[in-house]
Amino acid sequence: MDSRGKRMSRRYYVDIDLALEGEDRMDEAVLSLPGD
């Protein structure tokens, strides 16, 4: 669900380029995208 409690489905991804820049960029690297 989102912050308002609305139900939804999500998939999670890692931006490869950002992740390879190190731990400091990991928060930016992890993405939440729609379930489809």
Full PDB file with SEQRES, HELIX, SHEET, SSBOND, CRYST1, ORIGX, SCALE, CONECT and MASTER records, all heavy atoms in Angstrom:
SEQRES   1 A   36  MET ASP SER ARG GLY LYS ARG MET SER ARG ARG TYR TYR          
SEQRES   2 A   36  VAL ASP ILE ASP LEU ALA LEU GLU GLY GLU ASP ARG MET          
SEQRES   3 A   36  ASP GLU ALA VAL LEU SER LEU PRO GLY ASP                      
HELIX    1 AA1 ILE A   16  ALA A   19  1                                   4    
HELIX    2 AA2 GLU A   23  ARG A   25  5                                   3    
HELIX    3 AA3 MET A   26  ALA A   29  1                                   4    
SHEET    1 AA1 2 ARG A  10  VAL A  14  0                                        
SHEET    2 AA1 2 VAL A  30  PRO A  34 -1                                        
CRYST1    1.000    1.000    1.000  90.00  90.00  90.00 P 1           1          
ORIGX1      1.000000  0.000000  0.000000        0.00000                         
ORIGX2      0.000000  1.000000  0.000000        0.00000                         
ORIGX3      0.000000  0.000000  1.000000        0.00000                         
SCALE1      1.000000  0.000000  0.000000        0.00000                         
SCALE2      0.000000  1.000000  0.000000        0.00000                         
SCALE3      0.000000  0.000000  1.000000        0.00000                         
ATOM      1  N   MET A   1       0.855  -1.190   0.000  1.00  0.00           N  
ATOM      2  CA  MET A   1       0.000   0.000   0.000  1.00  0.00           C  
ATOM      3  C   MET A   1       0.886   1.234   0.000  1.00  0.00           C  
ATOM      4  O   MET A   1       2.075   1.175   0.340  1.00  0.00           O  
ATOM      5  CB  MET A   1      -0.903  -0.002   1.227  1.00  0.00           C  
ATOM      6  CG  MET A   1      -0.161   0.114   2.553  1.00  0.00           C  
ATOM      7  SD  MET A   1      -1.208  -0.047   4.013  1.00  0.00           S  
ATOM      8  CE  MET A   1      -1.454  -1.823   4.037  1.00  0.00           C  
ATOM      9  N   ASP A   2       0.284   2.366  -0.400  1.00  0.00           N  
ATOM     10  CA  ASP A   2       1.042   3.611  -0.338  1.00  0.00           C  
ATOM     11  C   ASP A   2       0.877   4.228   1.046  1.00  0.00           C  
ATOM     12  O   ASP A   2       0.260   3.640   1.943  1.00  0.00           O  
ATOM     13  CB  ASP A   2       0.619   4.575  -1.450  1.00  0.00           C  
ATOM     14  CG  ASP A   2      -0.843   5.006  -1.351  1.00  0.00           C  
ATOM     15  OD1 ASP A   2      -1.444   4.834  -0.274  1.00  0.00           O  
ATOM     16  OD2 ASP A   2      -1.378   5.511  -2.358  1.00  0.00           O  
ATOM     17  N   SER A   3       1.425   5.432   1.223  1.00  0.00           N  
ATOM     18  CA  SER A   3       1.413   6.060   2.539  1.00  0.00           C  
ATOM     19  C   SER A   3       0.015   6.422   3.015  1.00  0.00           C  
ATOM     20  O   SER A   3      -0.216   6.642   4.206  1.00  0.00           O  
ATOM     21  CB  SER A   3       2.284   7.330   2.521  1.00  0.00           C  
ATOM     22  OG  SER A   3       1.800   8.239   1.546  1.00  0.00           O  
ATOM     23  N   ARG A   4      -0.950   6.470   2.082  1.00  0.00           N  
ATOM     24  CA  ARG A   4      -2.333   6.773   2.443  1.00  0.00           C  
ATOM     25  C   ARG A   4      -3.167   5.520   2.665  1.00  0.00           C  
ATOM     26  O   ARG A   4      -4.360   5.598   2.922  1.00  0.00           O  
ATOM     27  CB  ARG A   4      -2.980   7.628   1.352  1.00  0.00           C  
ATOM     28  CG  ARG A   4      -2.325   8.997   1.148  1.00  0.00           C  
ATOM     29  CD  ARG A   4      -2.804   9.660  -0.120  1.00  0.00           C  
ATOM     30  NE  ARG A   4      -2.413   8.862  -1.296  1.00  0.00           N  
ATOM     31  CZ  ARG A   4      -2.729   9.186  -2.538  1.00  0.00           C  
ATOM     32  NH1 ARG A   4      -3.443  10.280  -2.788  1.00  0.00           N  
ATOM     33  NH2 ARG A   4      -2.335   8.434  -3.552  1.00  0.00           N  
ATOM     34  N   GLY A   5      -2.528   4.361   2.532  1.00  0.00           N  
ATOM     35  CA  GLY A   5      -3.239   3.117   2.752  1.00  0.00           C  
ATOM     36  C   GLY A   5      -3.889   2.546   1.515  1.00  0.00           C  
ATOM     37  O   GLY A   5      -4.608   1.538   1.601  1.00  0.00           O  
ATOM     38  N   LYS A   6      -3.660   3.138   0.355  1.00  0.00           N  
ATOM     39  CA  LYS A   6      -4.248   2.633  -0.884  1.00  0.00           C  
ATOM     40  C   LYS A   6      -3.494   1.385  -1.345  1.00  0.00           C  
ATOM     41  O   LYS A   6      -2.270   1.381  -1.460  1.00  0.00           O  
ATOM     42  CB  LYS A   6      -4.176   3.705  -1.972  1.00  0.00           C  
ATOM     43  CG  LYS A   6      -4.799   3.279  -3.300  1.00  0.00           C  
ATOM     44  CD  LYS A   6      -4.679   4.385  -4.338  1.00  0.00           C  
ATOM     45  CE  LYS A   6      -5.261   3.948  -5.666  1.00  0.00           C  
ATOM     46  NZ  LYS A   6      -5.123   5.010  -6.700  1.00  0.00           N  
ATOM     47  N   ARG A   7      -4.240   0.324  -1.606  1.00  0.00           N  
ATOM     48  CA  ARG A   7      -3.611  -0.930  -2.016  1.00  0.00           C  
ATOM     49  C   ARG A   7      -3.005  -0.816  -3.405  1.00  0.00           C  
ATOM     50  O   ARG A   7      -3.556  -0.142  -4.290  1.00  0.00           O  
ATOM     51  CB  ARG A   7      -4.638  -2.072  -2.028  1.00  0.00           C  
ATOM     52  CG  ARG A   7      -5.345  -2.322  -0.721  1.00  0.00           C  
ATOM     53  CD  ARG A   7      -4.428  -2.666   0.419  1.00  0.00           C  
ATOM     54  NE  ARG A   7      -3.526  -3.771   0.130  1.00  0.00           N  
ATOM     55  CZ  ARG A   7      -2.670  -4.278   1.003  1.00  0.00           C  
ATOM     56  NH1 ARG A   7      -2.588  -3.754   2.233  1.00  0.00           N  
ATOM     57  NH2 ARG A   7      -1.892  -5.291   0.686  1.00  0.00           N  
ATOM     58  N   MET A   8      -1.855  -1.497  -3.590  1.00  0.00           N  
ATOM     59  CA  MET A   8      -1.202  -1.510  -4.900  1.00  0.00           C  
ATOM     60  C   MET A   8      -0.203  -2.654  -4.932  1.00  0.00           C  
ATOM     61  O   MET A   8       0.150  -3.231  -3.897  1.00  0.00           O  
ATOM     62  CB  MET A   8      -0.503  -0.180  -5.171  1.00  0.00           C  
ATOM     63  CG  MET A   8       0.572   0.188  -4.164  1.00  0.00           C  
ATOM     64  SD  MET A   8       1.292   1.798  -4.536  1.00  0.00           S  
ATOM     65  CE  MET A   8       2.560   1.910  -3.296  1.00  0.00           C  
ATOM     66  N   SER A   9       0.245  -3.005  -6.111  1.00  0.00           N  
ATOM     67  CA  SER A   9       1.287  -4.033  -6.264  1.00  0.00           C  
ATOM     68  C   SER A   9       2.541  -3.369  -6.815  1.00  0.00           C  
ATOM     69  O   SER A   9       2.464  -2.478  -7.667  1.00  0.00           O  
ATOM     70  CB  SER A   9       0.812  -5.150  -7.203  1.00  0.00           C  
ATOM     71  OG  SER A   9       0.547  -4.637  -8.498  1.00  0.00           O  
ATOM     72  N   ARG A  10       3.705  -3.828  -6.319  1.00  0.00           N  
ATOM     73  CA  ARG A  10       4.975  -3.214  -6.711  1.00  0.00           C  
ATOM     74  C   ARG A  10       6.021  -4.290  -6.954  1.00  0.00           C  
ATOM     75  O   ARG A  10       5.990  -5.387  -6.367  1.00  0.00           O  
ATOM     76  CB  ARG A  10       5.490  -2.265  -5.617  1.00  0.00           C  
ATOM     77  CG  ARG A  10       4.523  -1.203  -5.181  1.00  0.00           C  
ATOM     78  CD  ARG A  10       4.148  -0.235  -6.275  1.00  0.00           C  
ATOM     79  NE  ARG A  10       5.186   0.759  -6.533  1.00  0.00           N  
ATOM     80  CZ  ARG A  10       5.062   1.724  -7.452  1.00  0.00           C  
ATOM     81  NH1 ARG A  10       3.973   1.796  -8.208  1.00  0.00           N  
ATOM     82  NH2 ARG A  10       6.034   2.587  -7.627  1.00  0.00           N  
ATOM     83  N   ARG A  11       6.969  -3.939  -7.834  1.00  0.00           N  
ATOM     84  CA  ARG A  11       8.194  -4.716  -8.023  1.00  0.00           C  
ATOM     85  C   ARG A  11       9.365  -3.815  -7.667  1.00  0.00           C  
ATOM     86  O   ARG A  11       9.285  -2.592  -7.786  1.00  0.00           O  
ATOM     87  CB  ARG A  11       8.340  -5.152  -9.480  1.00  0.00           C  
ATOM     88  CG  ARG A  11       7.413  -6.269  -9.935  1.00  0.00           C  
ATOM     89  CD  ARG A  11       7.748  -6.625 -11.367  1.00  0.00           C  
ATOM     90  NE  ARG A  11       6.851  -7.620 -11.929  1.00  0.00           N  
ATOM     91  CZ  ARG A  11       6.900  -8.035 -13.191  1.00  0.00           C  
ATOM     92  NH1 ARG A  11       7.800  -7.523 -14.023  1.00  0.00           N  
ATOM     93  NH2 ARG A  11       6.054  -8.945 -13.619  1.00  0.00           N  
ATOM     94  N   TYR A  12      10.465  -4.445  -7.285  1.00  0.00           N  
ATOM     95  CA  TYR A  12      11.621  -3.666  -6.836  1.00  0.00           C  
ATOM     96  C   TYR A  12      12.841  -3.996  -7.690  1.00  0.00           C  
ATOM     97  O   TYR A  12      13.075  -5.158  -8.058  1.00  0.00           O  
ATOM     98  CB  TYR A  12      11.868  -3.923  -5.346  1.00  0.00           C  
ATOM     99  CG  TYR A  12      10.673  -3.496  -4.520  1.00  0.00           C  
ATOM    100  CD1 TYR A  12       9.636  -4.392  -4.248  1.00  0.00           C  
ATOM    101  CD2 TYR A  12      10.541  -2.180  -4.080  1.00  0.00           C  
ATOM    102  CE1 TYR A  12       8.520  -3.995  -3.535  1.00  0.00           C  
ATOM    103  CE2 TYR A  12       9.427  -1.775  -3.370  1.00  0.00           C  
ATOM    104  CZ  TYR A  12       8.418  -2.682  -3.104  1.00  0.00           C  
ATOM    105  OH  TYR A  12       7.304  -2.272  -2.412  1.00  0.00           O  
ATOM    106  N   TYR A  13      13.595  -2.938  -7.975  1.00  0.00           N  
ATOM    107  CA  TYR A  13      14.738  -3.040  -8.882  1.00  0.00           C  
ATOM    108  C   TYR A  13      15.947  -2.324  -8.298  1.00  0.00           C  
ATOM    109  O   TYR A  13      15.822  -1.445  -7.443  1.00  0.00           O  
ATOM    110  CB  TYR A  13      14.396  -2.427 -10.243  1.00  0.00           C  
ATOM    111  CG  TYR A  13      13.406  -3.251 -11.039  1.00  0.00           C  
ATOM    112  CD1 TYR A  13      12.031  -3.064 -10.882  1.00  0.00           C  
ATOM    113  CD2 TYR A  13      13.848  -4.208 -11.948  1.00  0.00           C  
ATOM    114  CE1 TYR A  13      11.121  -3.823 -11.603  1.00  0.00           C  
ATOM    115  CE2 TYR A  13      12.939  -4.970 -12.678  1.00  0.00           C  
ATOM    116  CZ  TYR A  13      11.587  -4.772 -12.497  1.00  0.00           C  
ATOM    117  OH  TYR A  13      10.696  -5.537 -13.216  1.00  0.00           O  
ATOM    118  N   VAL A  14      17.134  -2.702  -8.826  1.00  0.00           N  
ATOM    119  CA  VAL A  14      18.373  -2.019  -8.481  1.00  0.00           C  
ATOM    120  C   VAL A  14      18.927  -1.394  -9.755  1.00  0.00           C  
ATOM    121  O   VAL A  14      19.117  -2.088 -10.775  1.00  0.00           O  
ATOM    122  CB  VAL A  14      19.427  -2.992  -7.914  1.00  0.00           C  
ATOM    123  CG1 VAL A  14      20.656  -2.211  -7.444  1.00  0.00           C  
ATOM    124  CG2 VAL A  14      18.854  -3.822  -6.790  1.00  0.00           C  
ATOM    125  N   ASP A  15      19.172  -0.103  -9.707  1.00  0.00           N  
ATOM    126  CA  ASP A  15      19.841   0.572 -10.817  1.00  0.00           C  
ATOM    127  C   ASP A  15      21.315   0.156 -10.769  1.00  0.00           C  
ATOM    128  O   ASP A  15      22.042   0.493  -9.831  1.00  0.00           O  
ATOM    129  CB  ASP A  15      19.693   2.084 -10.663  1.00  0.00           C  
ATOM    130  CG  ASP A  15      20.267   2.851 -11.843  1.00  0.00           C  
ATOM    131  OD1 ASP A  15      21.449   2.640 -12.171  1.00  0.00           O  
ATOM    132  OD2 ASP A  15      19.534   3.665 -12.434  1.00  0.00           O  
ATOM    133  N   ILE A  16      21.735  -0.599 -11.758  1.00  0.00           N  
ATOM    134  CA  ILE A  16      23.068  -1.208 -11.742  1.00  0.00           C  
ATOM    135  C   ILE A  16      24.160  -0.149 -11.654  1.00  0.00           C  
ATOM    136  O   ILE A  16      25.104  -0.257 -10.845  1.00  0.00           O  
ATOM    137  CB  ILE A  16      23.264  -2.101 -12.977  1.00  0.00           C  
ATOM    138  CG1 ILE A  16      22.281  -3.281 -12.907  1.00  0.00           C  
ATOM    139  CG2 ILE A  16      24.701  -2.602 -13.077  1.00  0.00           C  
ATOM    140  CD1 ILE A  16      22.261  -4.152 -14.150  1.00  0.00           C  
ATOM    141  N   ASP A  17      24.068   0.887 -12.457  1.00  0.00           N  
ATOM    142  CA  ASP A  17      25.105   1.921 -12.477  1.00  0.00           C  
ATOM    143  C   ASP A  17      25.223   2.608 -11.117  1.00  0.00           C  
ATOM    144  O   ASP A  17      26.322   2.819 -10.599  1.00  0.00           O  
ATOM    145  CB  ASP A  17      24.801   2.952 -13.564  1.00  0.00           C  
ATOM    146  CG  ASP A  17      24.999   2.390 -14.962  1.00  0.00           C  
ATOM    147  OD1 ASP A  17      25.749   1.395 -15.104  1.00  0.00           O  
ATOM    148  OD2 ASP A  17      24.381   2.910 -15.912  1.00  0.00           O  
ATOM    149  N   LEU A  18      24.092   2.995 -10.542  1.00  0.00           N  
ATOM    150  CA  LEU A  18      24.124   3.681  -9.249  1.00  0.00           C  
ATOM    151  C   LEU A  18      24.649   2.765  -8.148  1.00  0.00           C  
ATOM    152  O   LEU A  18      25.415   3.199  -7.275  1.00  0.00           O  
ATOM    153  CB  LEU A  18      22.730   4.187  -8.885  1.00  0.00           C  
ATOM    154  CG  LEU A  18      22.205   5.400  -9.661  1.00  0.00           C  
ATOM    155  CD1 LEU A  18      20.767   5.713  -9.268  1.00  0.00           C  
ATOM    156  CD2 LEU A  18      23.098   6.620  -9.414  1.00  0.00           C  
ATOM    157  N   ALA A  19      24.232   1.512  -8.164  1.00  0.00           N  
ATOM    158  CA  ALA A  19      24.670   0.577  -7.136  1.00  0.00           C  
ATOM    159  C   ALA A  19      26.174   0.391  -7.148  1.00  0.00           C  
ATOM    160  O   ALA A  19      26.802   0.237  -6.092  1.00  0.00           O  
ATOM    161  CB  ALA A  19      23.970  -0.775  -7.316  1.00  0.00           C  
ATOM    162  N   LEU A  20      26.783   0.414  -8.333  1.00  0.00           N  
ATOM    163  CA  LEU A  20      28.226   0.223  -8.442  1.00  0.00           C  
ATOM    164  C   LEU A  20      29.016   1.442  -7.984  1.00  0.00           C  
ATOM    165  O   LEU A  20      30.232   1.364  -7.813  1.00  0.00           O  
ATOM    166  CB  LEU A  20      28.598  -0.137  -9.880  1.00  0.00           C  
ATOM    167  CG  LEU A  20      28.151  -1.546 -10.323  1.00  0.00           C  
ATOM    168  CD1 LEU A  20      28.461  -1.757 -11.801  1.00  0.00           C  
ATOM    169  CD2 LEU A  20      28.820  -2.620  -9.469  1.00  0.00           C  
ATOM    170  N   GLU A  21      28.331   2.566  -7.762  1.00  0.00           N  
ATOM    171  CA  GLU A  21      29.014   3.764  -7.266  1.00  0.00           C  
ATOM    172  C   GLU A  21      29.259   3.695  -5.757  1.00  0.00           C  
ATOM    173  O   GLU A  21      29.923   4.556  -5.201  1.00  0.00           O  
ATOM    174  CB  GLU A  21      28.209   5.017  -7.613  1.00  0.00           C  
ATOM    175  CG  GLU A  21      28.189   5.311  -9.104  1.00  0.00           C  
ATOM    176  CD  GLU A  21      27.476   6.616  -9.415  1.00  0.00           C  
ATOM    177  OE1 GLU A  21      27.422   7.491  -8.507  1.00  0.00           O  
ATOM    178  OE2 GLU A  21      26.974   6.767 -10.536  1.00  0.00           O  
ATOM    179  N   GLY A  22      28.690   2.683  -5.107  1.00  0.00           N  
ATOM    180  CA  GLY A  22      28.992   2.494  -3.692  1.00  0.00           C  
ATOM    181  C   GLY A  22      27.777   2.609  -2.795  1.00  0.00           C  
ATOM    182  O   GLY A  22      26.660   2.941  -3.225  1.00  0.00           O  
ATOM    183  N   GLU A  23      28.014   2.329  -1.524  1.00  0.00           N  
ATOM    184  CA  GLU A  23      26.933   2.277  -0.529  1.00  0.00           C  
ATOM    185  C   GLU A  23      26.177   3.586  -0.431  1.00  0.00           C  
ATOM    186  O   GLU A  23      24.963   3.602  -0.201  1.00  0.00           O  
ATOM    187  CB  GLU A  23      27.521   1.897   0.832  1.00  0.00           C  
ATOM    188  CG  GLU A  23      26.500   1.790   1.952  1.00  0.00           C  
ATOM    189  CD  GLU A  23      27.144   1.476   3.290  1.00  0.00           C  
ATOM    190  OE1 GLU A  23      28.116   0.709   3.325  1.00  0.00           O  
ATOM    191  OE2 GLU A  23      26.663   2.032   4.308  1.00  0.00           O  
ATOM    192  N   ASP A  24      26.872   4.723  -0.591  1.00  0.00           N  
ATOM    193  CA  ASP A  24      26.220   6.020  -0.436  1.00  0.00           C  
ATOM    194  C   ASP A  24      25.123   6.257  -1.468  1.00  0.00           C  
ATOM    195  O   ASP A  24      24.216   7.054  -1.236  1.00  0.00           O  
ATOM    196  CB  ASP A  24      27.250   7.148  -0.528  1.00  0.00           C  
ATOM    197  CG  ASP A  24      28.195   7.154   0.660  1.00  0.00           C  
ATOM    198  OD1 ASP A  24      27.851   6.515   1.676  1.00  0.00           O  
ATOM    199  OD2 ASP A  24      29.261   7.786   0.569  1.00  0.00           O  
ATOM    200  N   ARG A  25      25.205   5.563  -2.606  1.00  0.00           N  
ATOM    201  CA  ARG A  25      24.198   5.756  -3.657  1.00  0.00           C  
ATOM    202  C   ARG A  25      23.134   4.659  -3.657  1.00  0.00           C  
ATOM    203  O   ARG A  25      22.247   4.653  -4.509  1.00  0.00           O  
ATOM    204  CB  ARG A  25      24.874   5.777  -5.047  1.00  0.00           C  
ATOM    205  CG  ARG A  25      25.971   6.820  -5.232  1.00  0.00           C  
ATOM    206  CD  ARG A  25      25.426   8.240  -5.076  1.00  0.00           C  
ATOM    207  NE  ARG A  25      24.376   8.559  -6.017  1.00  0.00           N  
ATOM    208  CZ  ARG A  25      24.583   9.002  -7.271  1.00  0.00           C  
ATOM    209  NH1 ARG A  25      25.829   9.138  -7.715  1.00  0.00           N  
ATOM    210  NH2 ARG A  25      23.575   9.303  -8.061  1.00  0.00           N  
ATOM    211  N   MET A  26      23.210   3.748  -2.668  1.00  0.00           N  
ATOM    212  CA  MET A  26      22.320   2.591  -2.707  1.00  0.00           C  
ATOM    213  C   MET A  26      20.858   2.974  -2.505  1.00  0.00           C  
ATOM    214  O   MET A  26      19.964   2.366  -3.091  1.00  0.00           O  
ATOM    215  CB  MET A  26      22.754   1.570  -1.648  1.00  0.00           C  
ATOM    216  CG  MET A  26      22.233   0.164  -1.909  1.00  0.00           C  
ATOM    217  SD  MET A  26      22.814  -0.509  -3.493  1.00  0.00           S  
ATOM    218  CE  MET A  26      24.522  -0.919  -3.063  1.00  0.00           C  
ATOM    219  N   ASP A  27      20.608   3.988  -1.683  1.00  0.00           N  
ATOM    220  CA  ASP A  27      19.226   4.412  -1.475  1.00  0.00           C  
ATOM    221  C   ASP A  27      18.610   4.885  -2.788  1.00  0.00           C  
ATOM    222  O   ASP A  27      17.446   4.568  -3.094  1.00  0.00           O  
ATOM    223  CB  ASP A  27      19.176   5.531  -0.433  1.00  0.00           C  
ATOM    224  CG  ASP A  27      17.771   5.797   0.075  1.00  0.00           C  
ATOM    225  OD1 ASP A  27      16.842   5.097  -0.360  1.00  0.00           O  
ATOM    226  OD2 ASP A  27      17.581   6.696   0.913  1.00  0.00           O  
ATOM    227  N   GLU A  28      19.390   5.619  -3.585  1.00  0.00           N  
ATOM    228  CA  GLU A  28      18.897   6.067  -4.888  1.00  0.00           C  
ATOM    229  C   GLU A  28      18.772   4.908  -5.869  1.00  0.00           C  
ATOM    230  O   GLU A  28      17.918   4.920  -6.761  1.00  0.00           O  
ATOM    231  CB  GLU A  28      19.862   7.098  -5.493  1.00  0.00           C  
ATOM    232  CG  GLU A  28      20.029   8.370  -4.682  1.00  0.00           C  
ATOM    233  CD  GLU A  28      21.126   9.242  -5.283  1.00  0.00           C  
ATOM    234  OE1 GLU A  28      20.945   9.692  -6.437  1.00  0.00           O  
ATOM    235  OE2 GLU A  28      22.167   9.432  -4.617  1.00  0.00           O  
ATOM    236  N   ALA A  29      19.604   3.899  -5.674  1.00  0.00           N  
ATOM    237  CA  ALA A  29      19.657   2.803  -6.638  1.00  0.00           C  
ATOM    238  C   ALA A  29      18.449   1.868  -6.545  1.00  0.00           C  
ATOM    239  O   ALA A  29      18.068   1.247  -7.537  1.00  0.00           O  
ATOM    240  CB  ALA A  29      20.943   1.992  -6.439  1.00  0.00           C  
ATOM    241  N   VAL A  30      17.867   1.756  -5.363  1.00  0.00           N  
ATOM    242  CA  VAL A  30      16.739   0.831  -5.187  1.00  0.00           C  
ATOM    243  C   VAL A  30      15.445   1.535  -5.576  1.00  0.00           C  
ATOM    244  O   VAL A  30      15.092   2.567  -5.008  1.00  0.00           O  
ATOM    245  CB  VAL A  30      16.671   0.327  -3.734  1.00  0.00           C  
ATOM    246  CG1 VAL A  30      15.440  -0.555  -3.536  1.00  0.00           C  
ATOM    247  CG2 VAL A  30      17.943  -0.444  -3.385  1.00  0.00           C  
ATOM    248  N   LEU A  31      14.746   0.967  -6.550  1.00  0.00           N  
ATOM    249  CA  LEU A  31      13.546   1.581  -7.116  1.00  0.00           C  
ATOM    250  C   LEU A  31      12.320   0.706  -6.889  1.00  0.00           C  
ATOM    251  O   LEU A  31      12.390  -0.522  -6.934  1.00  0.00           O  
ATOM    252  CB  LEU A  31      13.715   1.806  -8.615  1.00  0.00           C  
ATOM    253  CG  LEU A  31      14.932   2.625  -9.069  1.00  0.00           C  
ATOM    254  CD1 LEU A  31      14.982   2.674 -10.588  1.00  0.00           C  
ATOM    255  CD2 LEU A  31      14.882   4.033  -8.496  1.00  0.00           C  
ATOM    256  N   SER A  32      11.195   1.374  -6.675  1.00  0.00           N  
ATOM    257  CA  SER A  32       9.899   0.704  -6.591  1.00  0.00           C  
ATOM    258  C   SER A  32       9.112   1.066  -7.838  1.00  0.00           C  
ATOM    259  O   SER A  32       8.898   2.248  -8.132  1.00  0.00           O  
ATOM    260  CB  SER A  32       9.137   1.157  -5.345  1.00  0.00           C  
ATOM    261  OG  SER A  32       7.796   0.730  -5.398  1.00  0.00           O  
ATOM    262  N   LEU A  33       8.676   0.047  -8.582  1.00  0.00           N  
ATOM    263  CA  LEU A  33       7.929   0.267  -9.824  1.00  0.00           C  
ATOM    264  C   LEU A  33       6.615  -0.512  -9.783  1.00  0.00           C  
ATOM    265  O   LEU A  33       6.460  -1.443  -8.979  1.00  0.00           O  
ATOM    266  CB  LEU A  33       8.761  -0.178 -11.026  1.00  0.00           C  
ATOM    267  CG  LEU A  33      10.075   0.590 -11.257  1.00  0.00           C  
ATOM    268  CD1 LEU A  33      10.816   0.015 -12.448  1.00  0.00           C  
ATOM    269  CD2 LEU A  33       9.800   2.076 -11.474  1.00  0.00           C  
ATOM    270  N   PRO A  34       5.652  -0.150 -10.614  1.00  0.00           N  
ATOM    271  CA  PRO A  34       4.374  -0.868 -10.624  1.00  0.00           C  
ATOM    272  C   PRO A  34       4.549  -2.367 -10.839  1.00  0.00           C  
ATOM    273  O   PRO A  34       5.518  -2.827 -11.463  1.00  0.00           O  
ATOM    274  CB  PRO A  34       3.617  -0.216 -11.780  1.00  0.00           C  
ATOM    275  CG  PRO A  34       4.197   1.161 -11.874  1.00  0.00           C  
ATOM    276  CD  PRO A  34       5.650   0.997 -11.546  1.00  0.00           C  
ATOM    277  N   GLY A  35       3.611  -3.135 -10.338  1.00  0.00           N  
ATOM    278  CA  GLY A  35       3.700  -4.583 -10.397  1.00  0.00           C  
ATOM    279  C   GLY A  35       3.767  -5.152 -11.800  1.00  0.00           C  
ATOM    280  O   GLY A  35       4.338  -6.230 -12.010  1.00  0.00           O  
ATOM    281  N   ASP A  36       3.175  -4.438 -12.763  1.00  0.00           N  
ATOM    282  CA  ASP A  36       3.244  -4.928 -14.150  1.00  0.00           C  
ATOM    283  C   ASP A  36       4.498  -4.465 -14.865  1.00  0.00           C  
ATOM    284  O   ASP A  36       4.706  -4.775 -16.051  1.00  0.00           O  
ATOM    285  CB  ASP A  36       1.997  -4.521 -14.935  1.00  0.00           C  
ATOM    286  CG  ASP A  36       1.847  -3.001 -15.081  1.00  0.00           C  
ATOM    287  OD1 ASP A  36       2.718  -2.245 -14.570  1.00  0.00           O  
ATOM    288  OD2 ASP A  36       0.862  -2.560 -15.699  1.00  0.00           O  
TER     289      ASP A  36                                                      
MASTER        0    0    0    3    2    0    0    6  288    1    0    3          
END                                                                             
